[in-house]
């Protein structure tokens, strides 16, 4: 068995642990993420242009499960939640209509970048994968309606508060 297969097996155990802990228990994920979800909603509704929150992989797993993120694969990564990954919450304004649009991406280093301790730069950027939220249908450019996202977020907060 080569080392790549060993790493896949080890990471599958970790990924299954996260699925068991939060992904298969949305109520637990919403409860565990309640303070973070409320803070994210507060920041999205503020005048701040950029917000940076720092957490652990378990925070990301719980947050993704609480928001109902569809199953996803990260290209060039053995993990679903790689070390140092980031969630990028983007709100854009569609100029012609004035409507706000929302996008959620996972930004992460590839397995090779992690193994080789590759410095990230414009020449060697991290990977980025668009995530899909249940109940927040994307348009042809990969954005969902911001009002609909706010409904998903509010529902997760309400359920987590119980």
C-alpha atoms as a PDB file:
ATOM      1  CA  UNK A   1       0.000   0.000   0.000  1.00  0.00           C
ATOM      2  CA  UNK A   2       1.514   3.335  -1.015  1.00  0.00           C
ATOM      3  CA  UNK A   3       1.587   6.346   1.285  1.00  0.00           C
ATOM      4  CA  UNK A   4      -1.111   8.183  -0.745  1.00  0.00           C
ATOM      5  CA  UNK A   5      -3.546   5.336  -0.054  1.00  0.00           C
ATOM      6  CA  UNK A   6      -2.580   5.363   3.643  1.00  0.00           C
ATOM      7  CA  UNK A   7      -3.247   9.107   3.855  1.00  0.00           C
ATOM      8  CA  UNK A   8      -6.616   8.623   2.132  1.00  0.00           C
ATOM      9  CA  UNK A   9      -7.563   5.931   4.674  1.00  0.00           C
ATOM     10  CA  UNK A  10      -6.482   8.060   7.638  1.00  0.00           C
ATOM     11  CA  UNK A  11      -8.338  11.101   6.326  1.00  0.00           C
ATOM     12  CA  UNK A  12     -11.467   9.079   5.650  1.00  0.00           C
ATOM     13  CA  UNK A  13     -11.537   8.120   9.350  1.00  0.00           C
ATOM     14  CA  UNK A  14     -11.303  11.812  10.301  1.00  0.00           C
ATOM     15  CA  UNK A  15     -13.902  12.807   7.702  1.00  0.00           C
ATOM     16  CA  UNK A  16     -16.281  10.099   8.951  1.00  0.00           C
ATOM     17  CA  UNK A  17     -15.811  11.313  12.525  1.00  0.00           C
ATOM     18  CA  UNK A  18     -16.909  14.812  11.490  1.00  0.00           C
ATOM     19  CA  UNK A  19     -19.853  13.474   9.490  1.00  0.00           C
ATOM     20  CA  UNK A  20     -20.945  11.407  12.480  1.00  0.00           C
ATOM     21  CA  UNK A  21     -20.502  14.253  14.950  1.00  0.00           C
ATOM     22  CA  UNK A  22     -22.237  17.083  13.108  1.00  0.00           C
ATOM     23  CA  UNK A  23     -23.229  16.402   9.514  1.00  0.00           C
ATOM     24  CA  UNK A  24     -25.698  13.703  10.495  1.00  0.00           C
ATOM     25  CA  UNK A  25     -27.052  15.772  13.385  1.00  0.00           C
ATOM     26  CA  UNK A  26     -28.150  19.185  12.146  1.00  0.00           C
ATOM     27  CA  UNK A  27     -29.779  20.107  15.481  1.00  0.00           C
ATOM     28  CA  UNK A  28     -26.508  19.520  17.351  1.00  0.00           C
ATOM     29  CA  UNK A  29     -24.568  21.460  14.719  1.00  0.00           C
ATOM     30  CA  UNK A  30     -26.995  24.394  14.942  1.00  0.00           C
ATOM     31  CA  UNK A  31     -26.815  24.412  18.718  1.00  0.00           C
ATOM     32  CA  UNK A  32     -23.000  24.215  18.739  1.00  0.00           C
ATOM     33  CA  UNK A  33     -22.779  26.948  16.072  1.00  0.00           C
ATOM     34  CA  UNK A  34     -25.451  29.254  17.490  1.00  0.00           C
ATOM     35  CA  UNK A  35     -23.062  31.948  18.845  1.00  0.00           C
ATOM     36  CA  UNK A  36     -20.986  31.882  15.658  1.00  0.00           C
ATOM     37  CA  UNK A  37     -24.050  31.983  13.379  1.00  0.00           C
ATOM     38  CA  UNK A  38     -25.466  34.946  15.316  1.00  0.00           C
ATOM     39  CA  UNK A  39     -22.129  36.767  15.115  1.00  0.00           C
ATOM     40  CA  UNK A  40     -21.865  36.137  11.367  1.00  0.00           C
ATOM     41  CA  UNK A  41     -25.391  37.487  10.840  1.00  0.00           C
ATOM     42  CA  UNK A  42     -24.571  40.551  12.944  1.00  0.00           C
ATOM     43  CA  UNK A  43     -21.405  41.215  10.945  1.00  0.00           C
ATOM     44  CA  UNK A  44     -23.122  40.713   7.581  1.00  0.00           C
ATOM     45  CA  UNK A  45     -25.724  43.279   8.625  1.00  0.00           C
ATOM     46  CA  UNK A  46     -23.105  45.776   9.827  1.00  0.00           C
ATOM     47  CA  UNK A  47     -21.296  48.492   7.905  1.00  0.00           C
ATOM     48  CA  UNK A  48     -18.065  46.481   8.023  1.00  0.00           C
ATOM     49  CA  UNK A  49     -16.685  45.640   4.600  1.00  0.00           C
ATOM     50  CA  UNK A  50     -14.388  42.831   5.789  1.00  0.00           C
ATOM     51  CA  UNK A  51     -14.595  40.598   8.854  1.00  0.00           C
ATOM     52  CA  UNK A  52     -12.105  37.957   9.898  1.00  0.00           C
ATOM     53  CA  UNK A  53     -13.046  35.160  12.289  1.00  0.00           C
ATOM     54  CA  UNK A  54     -10.575  32.522  13.369  1.00  0.00           C
ATOM     55  CA  UNK A  55     -11.583  29.058  14.538  1.00  0.00           C
ATOM     56  CA  UNK A  56     -10.822  25.371  14.350  1.00  0.00           C
ATOM     57  CA  UNK A  57     -11.749  22.669  11.874  1.00  0.00           C
ATOM     58  CA  UNK A  58     -14.518  21.548  14.242  1.00  0.00           C
ATOM     59  CA  UNK A  59     -16.024  25.067  14.037  1.00  0.00           C
ATOM     60  CA  UNK A  60     -16.062  24.829  10.251  1.00  0.00           C
ATOM     61  CA  UNK A  61     -17.638  21.358  10.281  1.00  0.00           C
ATOM     62  CA  UNK A  62     -20.386  22.451  12.679  1.00  0.00           C
ATOM     63  CA  UNK A  63     -21.004  25.690  10.774  1.00  0.00           C
ATOM     64  CA  UNK A  64     -21.296  23.927   7.403  1.00  0.00           C
ATOM     65  CA  UNK A  65     -23.677  21.339   8.877  1.00  0.00           C
ATOM     66  CA  UNK A  66     -25.743  24.017  10.639  1.00  0.00           C
ATOM     67  CA  UNK A  67     -26.164  25.933   7.376  1.00  0.00           C
ATOM     68  CA  UNK A  68     -27.091  22.785   5.473  1.00  0.00           C
ATOM     69  CA  UNK A  69     -24.172  22.816   3.059  1.00  0.00           C
ATOM     70  CA  UNK A  70     -24.532  20.131   0.398  1.00  0.00           C
ATOM     71  CA  UNK A  71     -21.864  17.401   0.235  1.00  0.00           C
ATOM     72  CA  UNK A  72     -18.752  18.647  -1.553  1.00  0.00           C
ATOM     73  CA  UNK A  73     -15.323  17.511  -2.704  1.00  0.00           C
ATOM     74  CA  UNK A  74     -12.226  19.672  -2.474  1.00  0.00           C
ATOM     75  CA  UNK A  75     -10.020  19.287  -5.545  1.00  0.00           C
ATOM     76  CA  UNK A  76      -6.446  18.197  -4.845  1.00  0.00           C
ATOM     77  CA  UNK A  77      -7.191  17.561  -1.171  1.00  0.00           C
ATOM     78  CA  UNK A  78      -7.446  14.300   0.724  1.00  0.00           C
ATOM     79  CA  UNK A  79      -9.474  16.052   3.409  1.00  0.00           C
ATOM     80  CA  UNK A  80     -12.928  17.618   3.536  1.00  0.00           C
ATOM     81  CA  UNK A  81     -11.718  20.034   6.229  1.00  0.00           C
ATOM     82  CA  UNK A  82      -8.001  20.669   5.605  1.00  0.00           C
ATOM     83  CA  UNK A  83      -5.868  22.462   8.182  1.00  0.00           C
ATOM     84  CA  UNK A  84      -5.816  26.208   7.695  1.00  0.00           C
ATOM     85  CA  UNK A  85      -8.954  26.238   5.529  1.00  0.00           C
ATOM     86  CA  UNK A  86     -11.147  29.310   5.320  1.00  0.00           C
ATOM     87  CA  UNK A  87     -14.811  29.933   4.645  1.00  0.00           C
ATOM     88  CA  UNK A  88     -15.336  32.962   2.455  1.00  0.00           C
ATOM     89  CA  UNK A  89     -18.775  34.555   2.857  1.00  0.00           C
ATOM     90  CA  UNK A  90     -19.275  37.011  -0.006  1.00  0.00           C
ATOM     91  CA  UNK A  91     -22.082  39.496  -0.528  1.00  0.00           C
ATOM     92  CA  UNK A  92     -22.235  41.153  -3.939  1.00  0.00           C
ATOM     93  CA  UNK A  93     -24.569  43.773  -5.348  1.00  0.00           C
ATOM     94  CA  UNK A  94     -26.000  43.077  -8.795  1.00  0.00           C
ATOM     95  CA  UNK A  95     -25.719  46.527 -10.376  1.00  0.00           C
ATOM     96  CA  UNK A  96     -28.569  46.346 -12.920  1.00  0.00           C
ATOM     97  CA  UNK A  97     -31.165  45.154 -10.390  1.00  0.00           C
ATOM     98  CA  UNK A  98     -29.643  46.447  -7.147  1.00  0.00           C
ATOM     99  CA  UNK A  99     -30.303  43.032  -5.583  1.00  0.00           C
ATOM    100  CA  UNK A 100     -27.784  41.514  -3.195  1.00  0.00           C
ATOM    101  CA  UNK A 101     -26.304  38.116  -4.016  1.00  0.00           C
ATOM    102  CA  UNK A 102     -24.499  35.647  -1.745  1.00  0.00           C
ATOM    103  CA  UNK A 103     -21.708  33.147  -2.318  1.00  0.00           C
ATOM    104  CA  UNK A 104     -19.942  30.758   0.062  1.00  0.00           C
ATOM    105  CA  UNK A 105     -16.530  29.363  -0.902  1.00  0.00           C
ATOM    106  CA  UNK A 106     -14.038  27.097   0.812  1.00  0.00           C
ATOM    107  CA  UNK A 107     -10.456  28.380   0.423  1.00  0.00           C
ATOM    108  CA  UNK A 108      -7.754  25.865   1.289  1.00  0.00           C
ATOM    109  CA  UNK A 109      -4.269  24.618   0.610  1.00  0.00           C
ATOM    110  CA  UNK A 110      -3.964  21.492  -1.503  1.00  0.00           C
ATOM    111  CA  UNK A 111      -2.556  18.355   0.062  1.00  0.00           C
ATOM    112  CA  UNK A 112       0.638  18.881  -1.939  1.00  0.00           C
ATOM    113  CA  UNK A 113       0.953  22.495  -0.721  1.00  0.00           C
ATOM    114  CA  UNK A 114       0.533  21.322   2.867  1.00  0.00           C
ATOM    115  CA  UNK A 115       3.038  18.473   2.540  1.00  0.00           C
ATOM    116  CA  UNK A 116       5.627  20.673   0.819  1.00  0.00           C
ATOM    117  CA  UNK A 117       4.943  23.688   3.093  1.00  0.00           C
ATOM    118  CA  UNK A 118       4.492  25.750  -0.060  1.00  0.00           C
ATOM    119  CA  UNK A 119       4.249  29.495   0.642  1.00  0.00           C
ATOM    120  CA  UNK A 120       1.007  30.842  -0.796  1.00  0.00           C
ATOM    121  CA  UNK A 121       1.386  33.623  -3.343  1.00  0.00           C
ATOM    122  CA  UNK A 122      -0.133  34.816  -6.593  1.00  0.00           C
ATOM    123  CA  UNK A 123       2.041  32.212  -8.334  1.00  0.00           C
ATOM    124  CA  UNK A 124       0.995  29.420  -5.915  1.00  0.00           C
ATOM    125  CA  UNK A 125      -2.474  30.400  -4.662  1.00  0.00           C
ATOM    126  CA  UNK A 126      -4.714  28.257  -2.476  1.00  0.00           C
ATOM    127  CA  UNK A 127      -7.579  26.344  -4.085  1.00  0.00           C
ATOM    128  CA  UNK A 128     -11.125  27.630  -3.885  1.00  0.00           C
ATOM    129  CA  UNK A 129     -14.315  25.567  -4.092  1.00  0.00           C
ATOM    130  CA  UNK A 130     -17.850  26.978  -4.238  1.00  0.00           C
ATOM    131  CA  UNK A 131     -20.223  25.472  -1.672  1.00  0.00           C
ATOM    132  CA  UNK A 132     -23.981  25.044  -2.063  1.00  0.00           C
ATOM    133  CA  UNK A 133     -26.516  25.601   0.702  1.00  0.00           C
ATOM    134  CA  UNK A 134     -29.697  23.540   0.793  1.00  0.00           C
ATOM    135  CA  UNK A 135     -32.602  25.868   0.185  1.00  0.00           C
ATOM    136  CA  UNK A 136     -30.494  28.581  -1.433  1.00  0.00           C
ATOM    137  CA  UNK A 137     -30.599  27.868  -5.151  1.00  0.00           C
ATOM    138  CA  UNK A 138     -27.710  29.272  -7.187  1.00  0.00           C
ATOM    139  CA  UNK A 139     -28.045  31.297 -10.362  1.00  0.00           C
ATOM    140  CA  UNK A 140     -25.963  30.716 -13.507  1.00  0.00           C
ATOM    141  CA  UNK A 141     -23.014  32.597 -11.957  1.00  0.00           C
ATOM    142  CA  UNK A 142     -23.026  30.565  -8.730  1.00  0.00           C
ATOM    143  CA  UNK A 143     -24.738  33.121  -6.480  1.00  0.00           C
ATOM    144  CA  UNK A 144     -27.878  32.663  -4.440  1.00  0.00           C
ATOM    145  CA  UNK A 145     -30.285  35.399  -3.455  1.00  0.00           C
ATOM    146  CA  UNK A 146     -28.998  37.208  -0.356  1.00  0.00           C
ATOM    147  CA  UNK A 147     -32.482  37.453   1.188  1.00  0.00           C
ATOM    148  CA  UNK A 148     -32.873  33.703   0.818  1.00  0.00           C
ATOM    149  CA  UNK A 149     -29.454  33.159   2.420  1.00  0.00           C
ATOM    150  CA  UNK A 150     -30.522  35.397   5.314  1.00  0.00           C
ATOM    151  CA  UNK A 151     -33.621  33.198   5.754  1.00  0.00           C
ATOM    152  CA  UNK A 152     -31.437  30.060   5.875  1.00  0.00           C
ATOM    153  CA  UNK A 153     -29.105  31.756   8.358  1.00  0.00           C
ATOM    154  CA  UNK A 154     -31.987  33.028  10.529  1.00  0.00           C
ATOM    155  CA  UNK A 155     -33.602  29.596  10.590  1.00  0.00           C
ATOM    156  CA  UNK A 156     -30.327  27.984  11.656  1.00  0.00           C
ATOM    157  CA  UNK A 157     -29.926  30.596  14.418  1.00  0.00           C
ATOM    158  CA  UNK A 158     -33.523  30.066  15.593  1.00  0.00           C
ATOM    159  CA  UNK A 159     -33.083  26.287  15.673  1.00  0.00           C
ATOM    160  CA  UNK A 160     -29.745  26.585  17.472  1.00  0.00           C
ATOM    161  CA  UNK A 161     -31.194  28.863  20.127  1.00  0.00           C
ATOM    162  CA  UNK A 162     -33.712  26.206  21.242  1.00  0.00           C
END
